[in-house]
Amino acid sequence: MAVTRAHLDDANEKLEARAGRNLPLAIGFGLVLGVSMLLSLILVKSFFMLVAAALVAFTAFELASALWFAGRYVPRVPTVIAAVAIVPAAFYFGASGAWLVLLGGVLLVGLWRAAEQVRPSRRGTALEFWKDLGAGTFVQAYVPFLGSFAVVMAAQDGGEWWTLAFLLIVISTDTGAYASGVLFGKHPMAPRISPKKTWEGFAGSVLVALTVGVVLALFMLGQPWWFGLIFGITMVATATLGDLTESLIKRDLGIKDISTWLPGHGGFLDRLDSVLPSTIATYALFLIFA
């Protein structure tokens, strides 16, 4: 048993070295998050709103914290308040509600930071103050605003199936990229930004996305097969862009993961990096084709 365990640990270490994470833990937490999303979308839409609110709250908090530790003071309390507020606004009032709450959230975080300027410990130069305001605006636009389009779409008649479809494609794309990257990855795609990402992994993600996109288009969305190709390639582009963007943020901040809240995953943003930019692209496809 000891010898077998040693072999398993050695194999897991090699797999983790190639994949960049503990895959058994990552799969376990991924299943929990995936089942929560699936049940909330299919059974009760308002429950999906609660799941989305929790996700954007944790994600906005950890990104604000990461920026804080890097020297940018982004007030975390108003950041989380604004992030949570955008979800019900998007659910009940659509994209216009999300836009209004985004502006209100940016204003709230900016005023909070301005009020903190009177404290000697928070006082800095004018340049530092404006950098903090820019960082706070970035958090609001990147996490809750982009994520809100999944809620806007899910609230529409039949929109929950489009939300579920894009989540399935993005998850499949991520899985295909990891599998093909671990098995065949040799040529780095963007070594200065994300050393683990390879062209072989990207090719695997494209193949999986196109296949899943066609299947979901035909049997879930009631769309022609060629729409599945458009859907799949769009999700590959946005998911890859989101992944590289988050890797660039982490490289800029000098950290491996945004946080360590999710064993095997890092932080919530490490799991939602591919999802966030894909929400607005899917919403555009939903408006055009649905």
C-alpha atoms as a PDB file:
ATOM      1  CA  MET A   1       0.000   0.000   0.000  1.00  0.00           C
ATOM      2  CA  ALA A   2       2.831   2.361   0.827  1.00  0.00           C
ATOM      3  CA  VAL A   3       4.524   1.689  -2.513  1.00  0.00           C
ATOM      4  CA  THR A   4       1.229   2.162  -4.397  1.00  0.00           C
ATOM      5  CA  ARG A   5       0.552   5.429  -2.587  1.00  0.00           C
ATOM      6  CA  ALA A   6       4.056   6.649  -3.374  1.00  0.00           C
ATOM      7  CA  HIS A   7       3.475   5.901  -7.075  1.00  0.00           C
ATOM      8  CA  LEU A   8       0.131   7.720  -6.996  1.00  0.00           C
ATOM      9  CA  ASP A   9       1.639  10.750  -5.247  1.00  0.00           C
ATOM     10  CA  ASP A  10       4.469  10.835  -7.760  1.00  0.00           C
ATOM     11  CA  ALA A  11       2.039  10.641 -10.675  1.00  0.00           C
ATOM     12  CA  ASN A  12      -0.124  13.368  -9.150  1.00  0.00           C
ATOM     13  CA  GLU A  13       2.895  15.638  -8.669  1.00  0.00           C
ATOM     14  CA  LYS A  14       3.887  15.194 -12.319  1.00  0.00           C
ATOM     15  CA  LEU A  15       0.324  15.852 -13.443  1.00  0.00           C
ATOM     16  CA  GLU A  16       0.104  18.939 -11.242  1.00  0.00           C
ATOM     17  CA  ALA A  17       3.420  20.200 -12.621  1.00  0.00           C
ATOM     18  CA  ARG A  18       2.101  19.954 -16.187  1.00  0.00           C
ATOM     19  CA  ALA A  19      -1.427  21.195 -15.495  1.00  0.00           C
ATOM     20  CA  GLY A  20      -0.452  23.886 -12.991  1.00  0.00           C
ATOM     21  CA  ARG A  21      -2.947  22.739 -10.325  1.00  0.00           C
ATOM     22  CA  ASN A  22      -4.136  19.816  -8.212  1.00  0.00           C
ATOM     23  CA  LEU A  23      -6.543  18.238 -10.700  1.00  0.00           C
ATOM     24  CA  PRO A  24      -8.499  15.930  -8.305  1.00  0.00           C
ATOM     25  CA  LEU A  25      -9.309  18.863  -6.016  1.00  0.00           C
ATOM     26  CA  ALA A  26      -9.994  21.113  -8.990  1.00  0.00           C
ATOM     27  CA  ILE A  27     -12.434  18.581 -10.464  1.00  0.00           C
ATOM     28  CA  GLY A  28     -14.186  18.146  -7.103  1.00  0.00           C
ATOM     29  CA  PHE A  29     -14.780  21.851  -6.542  1.00  0.00           C
ATOM     30  CA  GLY A  30     -15.647  22.319 -10.199  1.00  0.00           C
ATOM     31  CA  LEU A  31     -18.392  19.709  -9.882  1.00  0.00           C
ATOM     32  CA  VAL A  32     -19.837  21.433  -6.810  1.00  0.00           C
ATOM     33  CA  LEU A  33     -19.950  24.796  -8.571  1.00  0.00           C
ATOM     34  CA  GLY A  34     -21.284  23.235 -11.768  1.00  0.00           C
ATOM     35  CA  VAL A  35     -24.104  21.358 -10.033  1.00  0.00           C
ATOM     36  CA  SER A  36     -25.108  24.519  -8.140  1.00  0.00           C
ATOM     37  CA  MET A  37     -25.325  26.468 -11.397  1.00  0.00           C
ATOM     38  CA  LEU A  38     -27.198  23.660 -13.150  1.00  0.00           C
ATOM     39  CA  LEU A  39     -29.843  23.217 -10.466  1.00  0.00           C
ATOM     40  CA  SER A  40     -30.374  26.953  -9.997  1.00  0.00           C
ATOM     41  CA  LEU A  41     -30.856  27.556 -13.722  1.00  0.00           C
ATOM     42  CA  ILE A  42     -33.173  24.618 -14.358  1.00  0.00           C
ATOM     43  CA  LEU A  43     -35.262  24.601 -11.164  1.00  0.00           C
ATOM     44  CA  VAL A  44     -35.623  28.165  -9.854  1.00  0.00           C
ATOM     45  CA  LYS A  45     -34.257  31.181 -11.719  1.00  0.00           C
ATOM     46  CA  SER A  46     -34.298  33.383  -8.621  1.00  0.00           C
ATOM     47  CA  PHE A  47     -31.949  30.898  -6.944  1.00  0.00           C
ATOM     48  CA  PHE A  48     -29.494  31.446  -9.793  1.00  0.00           C
ATOM     49  CA  MET A  49     -29.600  35.136  -8.891  1.00  0.00           C
ATOM     50  CA  LEU A  50     -28.468  34.223  -5.362  1.00  0.00           C
ATOM     51  CA  VAL A  51     -25.688  31.980  -6.665  1.00  0.00           C
ATOM     52  CA  ALA A  52     -24.519  34.714  -9.038  1.00  0.00           C
ATOM     53  CA  ALA A  53     -24.608  37.338  -6.264  1.00  0.00           C
ATOM     54  CA  ALA A  54     -22.456  35.153  -4.017  1.00  0.00           C
ATOM     55  CA  LEU A  55     -19.948  34.486  -6.801  1.00  0.00           C
ATOM     56  CA  VAL A  56     -19.519  38.138  -7.824  1.00  0.00           C
ATOM     57  CA  ALA A  57     -19.284  39.207  -4.159  1.00  0.00           C
ATOM     58  CA  PHE A  58     -16.463  36.775  -3.374  1.00  0.00           C
ATOM     59  CA  THR A  59     -14.711  37.454  -6.682  1.00  0.00           C
ATOM     60  CA  ALA A  60     -14.878  41.242  -6.359  1.00  0.00           C
ATOM     61  CA  PHE A  61     -13.630  41.023  -2.774  1.00  0.00           C
ATOM     62  CA  GLU A  62     -10.638  38.854  -3.620  1.00  0.00           C
ATOM     63  CA  LEU A  63      -9.654  40.993  -6.627  1.00  0.00           C
ATOM     64  CA  ALA A  64      -9.918  44.171  -4.526  1.00  0.00           C
ATOM     65  CA  SER A  65      -7.813  42.463  -1.858  1.00  0.00           C
ATOM     66  CA  ALA A  66      -5.182  41.396  -4.384  1.00  0.00           C
ATOM     67  CA  LEU A  67      -4.960  44.973  -5.673  1.00  0.00           C
ATOM     68  CA  TRP A  68      -4.772  46.227  -2.086  1.00  0.00           C
ATOM     69  CA  PHE A  69      -1.787  43.998  -1.306  1.00  0.00           C
ATOM     70  CA  ALA A  70      -0.149  45.231  -4.517  1.00  0.00           C
ATOM     71  CA  GLY A  71      -0.387  48.846  -3.330  1.00  0.00           C
ATOM     72  CA  ARG A  72      -3.716  49.979  -4.816  1.00  0.00           C
ATOM     73  CA  TYR A  73      -6.226  50.933  -2.148  1.00  0.00           C
ATOM     74  CA  VAL A  74      -9.620  49.698  -3.367  1.00  0.00           C
ATOM     75  CA  PRO A  75     -12.189  49.925  -0.520  1.00  0.00           C
ATOM     76  CA  ARG A  76     -13.548  46.420  -0.116  1.00  0.00           C
ATOM     77  CA  VAL A  77     -16.808  47.120   1.714  1.00  0.00           C
ATOM     78  CA  PRO A  78     -18.364  49.389  -0.960  1.00  0.00           C
ATOM     79  CA  THR A  79     -16.872  47.173  -3.666  1.00  0.00           C
ATOM     80  CA  VAL A  80     -18.773  44.145  -2.368  1.00  0.00           C
ATOM     81  CA  ILE A  81     -21.966  46.165  -1.783  1.00  0.00           C
ATOM     82  CA  ALA A  82     -21.945  47.452  -5.361  1.00  0.00           C
ATOM     83  CA  ALA A  83     -21.098  43.998  -6.751  1.00  0.00           C
ATOM     84  CA  VAL A  84     -24.069  42.382  -4.985  1.00  0.00           C
ATOM     85  CA  ALA A  85     -26.457  45.216  -5.925  1.00  0.00           C
ATOM     86  CA  ILE A  86     -25.864  44.786  -9.647  1.00  0.00           C
ATOM     87  CA  VAL A  87     -27.253  41.220  -9.683  1.00  0.00           C
ATOM     88  CA  PRO A  88     -30.911  41.891  -8.721  1.00  0.00           C
ATOM     89  CA  ALA A  89     -30.824  45.048 -10.866  1.00  0.00           C
ATOM     90  CA  ALA A  90     -29.786  42.939 -13.860  1.00  0.00           C
ATOM     91  CA  PHE A  91     -32.340  40.237 -13.053  1.00  0.00           C
ATOM     92  CA  TYR A  92     -35.344  42.552 -12.701  1.00  0.00           C
ATOM     93  CA  PHE A  93     -34.415  45.516 -14.915  1.00  0.00           C
ATOM     94  CA  GLY A  94     -32.146  44.007 -17.548  1.00  0.00           C
ATOM     95  CA  ALA A  95     -29.033  45.543 -19.088  1.00  0.00           C
ATOM     96  CA  SER A  96     -30.163  49.107 -18.348  1.00  0.00           C
ATOM     97  CA  GLY A  97     -30.382  48.247 -14.654  1.00  0.00           C
ATOM     98  CA  ALA A  98     -26.888  46.767 -14.732  1.00  0.00           C
ATOM     99  CA  TRP A  99     -25.519  49.923 -16.393  1.00  0.00           C
ATOM    100  CA  LEU A 100     -27.121  52.215 -13.799  1.00  0.00           C
ATOM    101  CA  VAL A 101     -25.869  50.172 -10.856  1.00  0.00           C
ATOM    102  CA  LEU A 102     -22.394  50.016 -12.418  1.00  0.00           C
ATOM    103  CA  LEU A 103     -22.284  53.819 -12.535  1.00  0.00           C
ATOM    104  CA  GLY A 104     -23.655  54.004  -9.000  1.00  0.00           C
ATOM    105  CA  GLY A 105     -21.112  51.475  -7.779  1.00  0.00           C
ATOM    106  CA  VAL A 106     -18.197  53.331  -9.351  1.00  0.00           C
ATOM    107  CA  LEU A 107     -19.476  56.531  -7.711  1.00  0.00           C
ATOM    108  CA  LEU A 108     -19.882  54.821  -4.319  1.00  0.00           C
ATOM    109  CA  VAL A 109     -16.381  53.314  -4.374  1.00  0.00           C
ATOM    110  CA  GLY A 110     -14.896  56.634  -5.561  1.00  0.00           C
ATOM    111  CA  LEU A 111     -16.617  58.674  -2.856  1.00  0.00           C
ATOM    112  CA  TRP A 112     -15.598  56.142  -0.209  1.00  0.00           C
ATOM    113  CA  ARG A 113     -11.991  56.374  -1.356  1.00  0.00           C
ATOM    114  CA  ALA A 114     -12.187  60.177  -1.376  1.00  0.00           C
ATOM    115  CA  ALA A 115     -13.534  60.147   2.189  1.00  0.00           C
ATOM    116  CA  GLU A 116     -10.662  57.888   3.249  1.00  0.00           C
ATOM    117  CA  GLN A 117      -8.250  60.473   1.859  1.00  0.00           C
ATOM    118  CA  VAL A 118      -8.702  62.546   5.016  1.00  0.00           C
ATOM    119  CA  ARG A 119      -7.102  59.786   7.105  1.00  0.00           C
ATOM    120  CA  PRO A 120      -3.322  60.237   7.325  1.00  0.00           C
ATOM    121  CA  SER A 121      -2.747  56.509   6.861  1.00  0.00           C
ATOM    122  CA  ARG A 122      -4.692  56.549   3.581  1.00  0.00           C
ATOM    123  CA  ARG A 123      -3.536  59.917   2.322  1.00  0.00           C
ATOM    124  CA  GLY A 124      -1.329  59.864  -0.756  1.00  0.00           C
ATOM    125  CA  THR A 125      -0.405  61.901  -3.773  1.00  0.00           C
ATOM    126  CA  ALA A 126      -2.989  62.981  -6.324  1.00  0.00           C
ATOM    127  CA  LEU A 127      -1.553  60.469  -8.800  1.00  0.00           C
ATOM    128  CA  GLU A 128      -1.925  57.611  -6.304  1.00  0.00           C
ATOM    129  CA  PHE A 129      -5.491  58.702  -5.574  1.00  0.00           C
ATOM    130  CA  TRP A 130      -6.464  58.586  -9.253  1.00  0.00           C
ATOM    131  CA  LYS A 131      -4.772  55.203  -9.655  1.00  0.00           C
ATOM    132  CA  ASP A 132      -6.882  53.901  -6.769  1.00  0.00           C
ATOM    133  CA  LEU A 133     -10.036  55.249  -8.426  1.00  0.00           C
ATOM    134  CA  GLY A 134      -9.044  53.560 -11.687  1.00  0.00           C
ATOM    135  CA  ALA A 135      -8.448  50.265  -9.897  1.00  0.00           C
ATOM    136  CA  GLY A 136     -11.836  50.472  -8.176  1.00  0.00           C
ATOM    137  CA  THR A 137     -13.564  51.183 -11.486  1.00  0.00           C
ATOM    138  CA  PHE A 138     -11.756  48.250 -13.081  1.00  0.00           C
ATOM    139  CA  VAL A 139     -12.993  45.836 -10.397  1.00  0.00           C
ATOM    140  CA  GLN A 140     -16.609  46.955 -10.879  1.00  0.00           C
ATOM    141  CA  ALA A 141     -16.474  46.721 -14.667  1.00  0.00           C
ATOM    142  CA  TYR A 142     -14.496  43.479 -14.838  1.00  0.00           C
ATOM    143  CA  VAL A 143     -16.332  41.310 -12.303  1.00  0.00           C
ATOM    144  CA  PRO A 144     -19.930  42.308 -11.441  1.00  0.00           C
ATOM    145  CA  PHE A 145     -20.752  44.146 -14.660  1.00  0.00           C
ATOM    146  CA  LEU A 146     -19.540  41.429 -17.038  1.00  0.00           C
ATOM    147  CA  GLY A 147     -21.038  38.738 -14.824  1.00  0.00           C
ATOM    148  CA  SER A 148     -24.385  40.533 -14.723  1.00  0.00           C
ATOM    149  CA  PHE A 149     -25.068  39.715 -18.372  1.00  0.00           C
ATOM    150  CA  ALA A 150     -25.454  36.050 -17.454  1.00  0.00           C
ATOM    151  CA  VAL A 151     -28.184  37.143 -15.024  1.00  0.00           C
ATOM    152  CA  VAL A 152     -29.790  39.449 -17.618  1.00  0.00           C
ATOM    153  CA  MET A 153     -29.918  36.564 -20.071  1.00  0.00           C
ATOM    154  CA  ALA A 154     -31.151  33.982 -17.564  1.00  0.00           C
ATOM    155  CA  ALA A 155     -34.068  36.229 -16.618  1.00  0.00           C
ATOM    156  CA  GLN A 156     -35.413  36.201 -20.202  1.00  0.00           C
ATOM    157  CA  ASP A 157     -37.845  33.582 -21.520  1.00  0.00           C
ATOM    158  CA  GLY A 158     -35.663  30.646 -22.511  1.00  0.00           C
ATOM    159  CA  GLY A 159     -32.552  32.593 -21.570  1.00  0.00           C
ATOM    160  CA  GLU A 160     -31.635  30.126 -18.853  1.00  0.00           C
ATOM    161  CA  TRP A 161     -30.822  27.549 -21.555  1.00  0.00           C
ATOM    162  CA  TRP A 162     -28.490  30.000 -23.295  1.00  0.00           C
ATOM    163  CA  THR A 163     -26.777  30.735 -19.986  1.00  0.00           C
ATOM    164  CA  LEU A 164     -26.412  27.025 -19.291  1.00  0.00           C
ATOM    165  CA  ALA A 165     -25.172  26.399 -22.838  1.00  0.00           C
ATOM    166  CA  PHE A 166     -22.404  28.990 -22.734  1.00  0.00           C
ATOM    167  CA  LEU A 167     -21.300  27.758 -19.296  1.00  0.00           C
ATOM    168  CA  LEU A 168     -21.109  24.188 -20.611  1.00  0.00           C
ATOM    169  CA  ILE A 169     -19.083  25.274 -23.642  1.00  0.00           C
ATOM    170  CA  VAL A 170     -16.662  27.346 -21.551  1.00  0.00           C
ATOM    171  CA  ILE A 171     -16.211  24.502 -19.054  1.00  0.00           C
ATOM    172  CA  SER A 172     -15.704  22.022 -21.902  1.00  0.00           C
ATOM    173  CA  THR A 173     -13.239  24.387 -23.555  1.00  0.00           C
ATOM    174  CA  ASP A 174     -11.256  24.674 -20.335  1.00  0.00           C
ATOM    175  CA  THR A 175     -11.302  20.913 -19.853  1.00  0.00           C
ATOM    176  CA  GLY A 176     -10.270  20.234 -23.453  1.00  0.00           C
ATOM    177  CA  ALA A 177      -7.412  22.717 -23.173  1.00  0.00           C
ATOM    178  CA  TYR A 178      -6.114  21.086 -19.982  1.00  0.00           C
ATOM    179  CA  ALA A 179      -6.411  17.541 -21.300  1.00  0.00           C
ATOM    180  CA  SER A 180      -4.730  18.184 -24.635  1.00  0.00           C
ATOM    181  CA  GLY A 181      -2.184  20.474 -23.009  1.00  0.00           C
ATOM    182  CA  VAL A 182      -1.199  17.844 -20.437  1.00  0.00           C
ATOM    183  CA  LEU A 183      -1.053  15.060 -23.026  1.00  0.00           C
ATOM    184  CA  PHE A 184       0.469  16.833 -26.012  1.00  0.00           C
ATOM    185  CA  GLY A 185       1.511  20.338 -24.926  1.00  0.00           C
ATOM    186  CA  LYS A 186       4.981  21.308 -26.138  1.00  0.00           C
ATOM    187  CA  HIS A 187       4.750  24.740 -27.744  1.00  0.00           C
ATOM    188  CA  PRO A 188       3.944  27.638 -25.359  1.00  0.00           C
ATOM    189  CA  MET A 189       1.211  29.935 -26.567  1.00  0.00           C
ATOM    190  CA  ALA A 190       2.062  33.002 -24.480  1.00  0.00           C
ATOM    191  CA  PRO A 191       5.104  32.096 -22.341  1.00  0.00           C
ATOM    192  CA  ARG A 192       5.525  35.580 -20.859  1.00  0.00           C
ATOM    193  CA  ILE A 193       1.902  35.707 -19.715  1.00  0.00           C
ATOM    194  CA  SER A 194       0.817  32.099 -19.071  1.00  0.00           C
ATOM    195  CA  PRO A 195       3.673  29.551 -19.321  1.00  0.00           C
ATOM    196  CA  LYS A 196       1.328  26.548 -18.942  1.00  0.00           C
ATOM    197  CA  LYS A 197      -0.858  27.457 -21.926  1.00  0.00           C
ATOM    198  CA  THR A 198       0.203  25.727 -25.150  1.00  0.00           C
ATOM    199  CA  TRP A 199      -0.905  25.761 -28.770  1.00  0.00           C
ATOM    200  CA  GLU A 200      -1.718  22.056 -28.501  1.00  0.00           C
ATOM    201  CA  GLY A 201      -4.019  22.847 -25.580  1.00  0.00           C
ATOM    202  CA  PHE A 202      -5.637  25.636 -27.588  1.00  0.00           C
ATOM    203  CA  ALA A 203      -6.234  23.248 -30.492  1.00  0.00           C
ATOM    204  CA  GLY A 204      -7.908  20.803 -28.122  1.00  0.00           C
ATOM    205  CA  SER A 205     -10.127  23.545 -26.734  1.00  0.00           C
ATOM    206  CA  VAL A 206     -11.211  24.552 -30.258  1.00  0.00           C
ATOM    207  CA  LEU A 207     -12.099  20.961 -31.180  1.00  0.00           C
ATOM    208  CA  VAL A 208     -14.096  20.407 -27.997  1.00  0.00           C
ATOM    209  CA  ALA A 209     -15.855  23.788 -28.209  1.00  0.00           C
ATOM    210  CA  LEU A 210     -16.985  23.220 -31.797  1.00  0.00           C
ATOM    211  CA  THR A 211     -18.282  19.735 -30.986  1.00  0.00           C
ATOM    212  CA  VAL A 212     -20.142  20.789 -27.840  1.00  0.00           C
ATOM    213  CA  GLY A 213     -21.408  23.939 -29.551  1.00  0.00           C
ATOM    214  CA  VAL A 214     -23.030  21.967 -32.391  1.00  0.00           C
ATOM    215  CA  VAL A 215     -24.597  19.457 -29.986  1.00  0.00           C
ATOM    216  CA  LEU A 216     -26.045  22.181 -27.738  1.00  0.00           C
ATOM    217  CA  ALA A 217     -27.254  24.240 -30.698  1.00  0.00           C
ATOM    218  CA  LEU A 218     -29.229  21.308 -32.070  1.00  0.00           C
ATOM    219  CA  PHE A 219     -30.561  19.712 -28.893  1.00  0.00           C
ATOM    220  CA  MET A 220     -30.765  22.543 -26.340  1.00  0.00           C
ATOM    221  CA  LEU A 221     -31.147  25.865 -28.165  1.00  0.00           C
ATOM    222  CA  GLY A 222     -33.101  24.748 -31.222  1.00  0.00           C
ATOM    223  CA  GLN A 223     -30.605  26.413 -33.570  1.00  0.00           C
ATOM    224  CA  PRO A 224     -29.072  25.090 -36.821  1.00  0.00           C
ATOM    225  CA  TRP A 225     -25.800  23.192 -36.675  1.00  0.00           C
ATOM    226  CA  TRP A 226     -23.799  26.034 -38.196  1.00  0.00           C
ATOM    227  CA  PHE A 227     -24.786  28.283 -35.301  1.00  0.00           C
ATOM    228  CA  GLY A 228     -23.063  25.780 -33.023  1.00  0.00           C
ATOM    229  CA  LEU A 229     -19.819  26.431 -34.896  1.00  0.00           C
ATOM    230  CA  ILE A 230     -20.237  30.199 -34.453  1.00  0.00           C
ATOM    231  CA  PHE A 231     -21.137  29.746 -30.791  1.00  0.00           C
ATOM    232  CA  GLY A 232     -18.208  27.416 -30.127  1.00  0.00           C
ATOM    233  CA  ILE A 233     -15.525  29.505 -31.828  1.00  0.00           C
ATOM    234  CA  THR A 234     -16.828  32.658 -30.122  1.00  0.00           C
ATOM    235  CA  MET A 235     -16.605  30.999 -26.722  1.00  0.00           C
ATOM    236  CA  VAL A 236     -13.070  29.769 -27.459  1.00  0.00           C
ATOM    237  CA  ALA A 237     -11.999  33.311 -28.353  1.00  0.00           C
ATOM    238  CA  THR A 238     -13.581  34.982 -25.312  1.00  0.00           C
ATOM    239  CA  ALA A 239     -12.582  32.228 -22.872  1.00  0.00           C
ATOM    240  CA  THR A 240      -8.955  32.301 -24.048  1.00  0.00           C
ATOM    241  CA  LEU A 241      -8.932  36.096 -23.878  1.00  0.00           C
ATOM    242  CA  GLY A 242     -10.328  35.980 -20.351  1.00  0.00           C
ATOM    243  CA  ASP A 243      -7.786  33.392 -19.255  1.00  0.00           C
ATOM    244  CA  LEU A 244      -4.860  35.374 -20.655  1.00  0.00           C
ATOM    245  CA  THR A 245      -6.223  38.617 -19.186  1.00  0.00           C
ATOM    246  CA  GLU A 246      -6.371  37.148 -15.695  1.00  0.00           C
ATOM    247  CA  SER A 247      -2.901  35.638 -16.117  1.00  0.00           C
ATOM    248  CA  LEU A 248      -1.618  39.076 -17.108  1.00  0.00           C
ATOM    249  CA  ILE A 249      -3.235  40.616 -14.015  1.00  0.00           C
ATOM    250  CA  LYS A 250      -1.611  38.013 -11.762  1.00  0.00           C
ATOM    251  CA  ARG A 251       1.745  38.471 -13.462  1.00  0.00           C
ATOM    252  CA  ASP A 252       1.436  42.228 -13.012  1.00  0.00           C
ATOM    253  CA  LEU A 253       0.633  41.752  -9.305  1.00  0.00           C
ATOM    254  CA  GLY A 254       3.393  39.149  -8.887  1.00  0.00           C
ATOM    255  CA  ILE A 255       1.106  36.363  -7.579  1.00  0.00           C
ATOM    256  CA  LYS A 256       0.292  32.787  -8.670  1.00  0.00           C
ATOM    257  CA  ASP A 257      -3.410  32.810  -7.712  1.00  0.00           C
ATOM    258  CA  ILE A 258      -5.789  35.670  -6.916  1.00  0.00           C
ATOM    259  CA  SER A 259      -6.540  33.905  -3.610  1.00  0.00           C
ATOM    260  CA  THR A 260      -6.330  30.449  -2.012  1.00  0.00           C
ATOM    261  CA  TRP A 261      -9.977  30.073  -1.043  1.00  0.00           C
ATOM    262  CA  LEU A 262     -10.657  27.145  -3.388  1.00  0.00           C
ATOM    263  CA  PRO A 263      -8.166  24.260  -3.012  1.00  0.00           C
ATOM    264  CA  GLY A 264      -6.967  23.123  -6.418  1.00  0.00           C
ATOM    265  CA  HIS A 265      -8.479  26.202  -8.061  1.00  0.00           C
ATOM    266  CA  GLY A 266      -6.853  29.196  -6.394  1.00  0.00           C
ATOM    267  CA  GLY A 267      -9.573  31.794  -6.129  1.00  0.00           C
ATOM    268  CA  PHE A 268     -12.994  32.460  -7.570  1.00  0.00           C
ATOM    269  CA  LEU A 269     -11.540  34.673 -10.292  1.00  0.00           C
ATOM    270  CA  ASP A 270      -9.222  31.830 -11.287  1.00  0.00           C
ATOM    271  CA  ARG A 271     -12.394  29.851 -12.087  1.00  0.00           C
ATOM    272  CA  LEU A 272     -14.435  32.687 -13.587  1.00  0.00           C
ATOM    273  CA  ASP A 273     -11.717  34.282 -15.739  1.00  0.00           C
ATOM    274  CA  SER A 274     -12.945  32.464 -18.866  1.00  0.00           C
ATOM    275  CA  VAL A 275     -16.616  32.931 -17.993  1.00  0.00           C
ATOM    276  CA  LEU A 276     -16.737  36.707 -17.452  1.00  0.00           C
ATOM    277  CA  PRO A 277     -15.925  37.934 -20.990  1.00  0.00           C
ATOM    278  CA  SER A 278     -17.965  35.070 -22.458  1.00  0.00           C
ATOM    279  CA  THR A 279     -21.166  36.366 -20.817  1.00  0.00           C
ATOM    280  CA  ILE A 280     -21.418  39.522 -22.888  1.00  0.00           C
ATOM    281  CA  ALA A 281     -20.533  37.687 -26.127  1.00  0.00           C
ATOM    282  CA  THR A 282     -23.262  35.121 -25.454  1.00  0.00           C
ATOM    283  CA  TYR A 283     -25.755  37.862 -24.660  1.00  0.00           C
ATOM    284  CA  ALA A 284     -25.001  39.457 -28.044  1.00  0.00           C
ATOM    285  CA  LEU A 285     -25.605  36.105 -29.786  1.00  0.00           C
ATOM    286  CA  PHE A 286     -28.801  35.682 -27.760  1.00  0.00           C
ATOM    287  CA  LEU A 287     -30.108  39.058 -28.939  1.00  0.00           C
ATOM    288  CA  ILE A 288     -29.266  38.280 -32.567  1.00  0.00           C
ATOM    289  CA  PHE A 289     -30.404  34.654 -32.882  1.00  0.00           C
ATOM    290  CA  ALA A 290     -32.966  34.115 -30.132  1.00  0.00           C
END
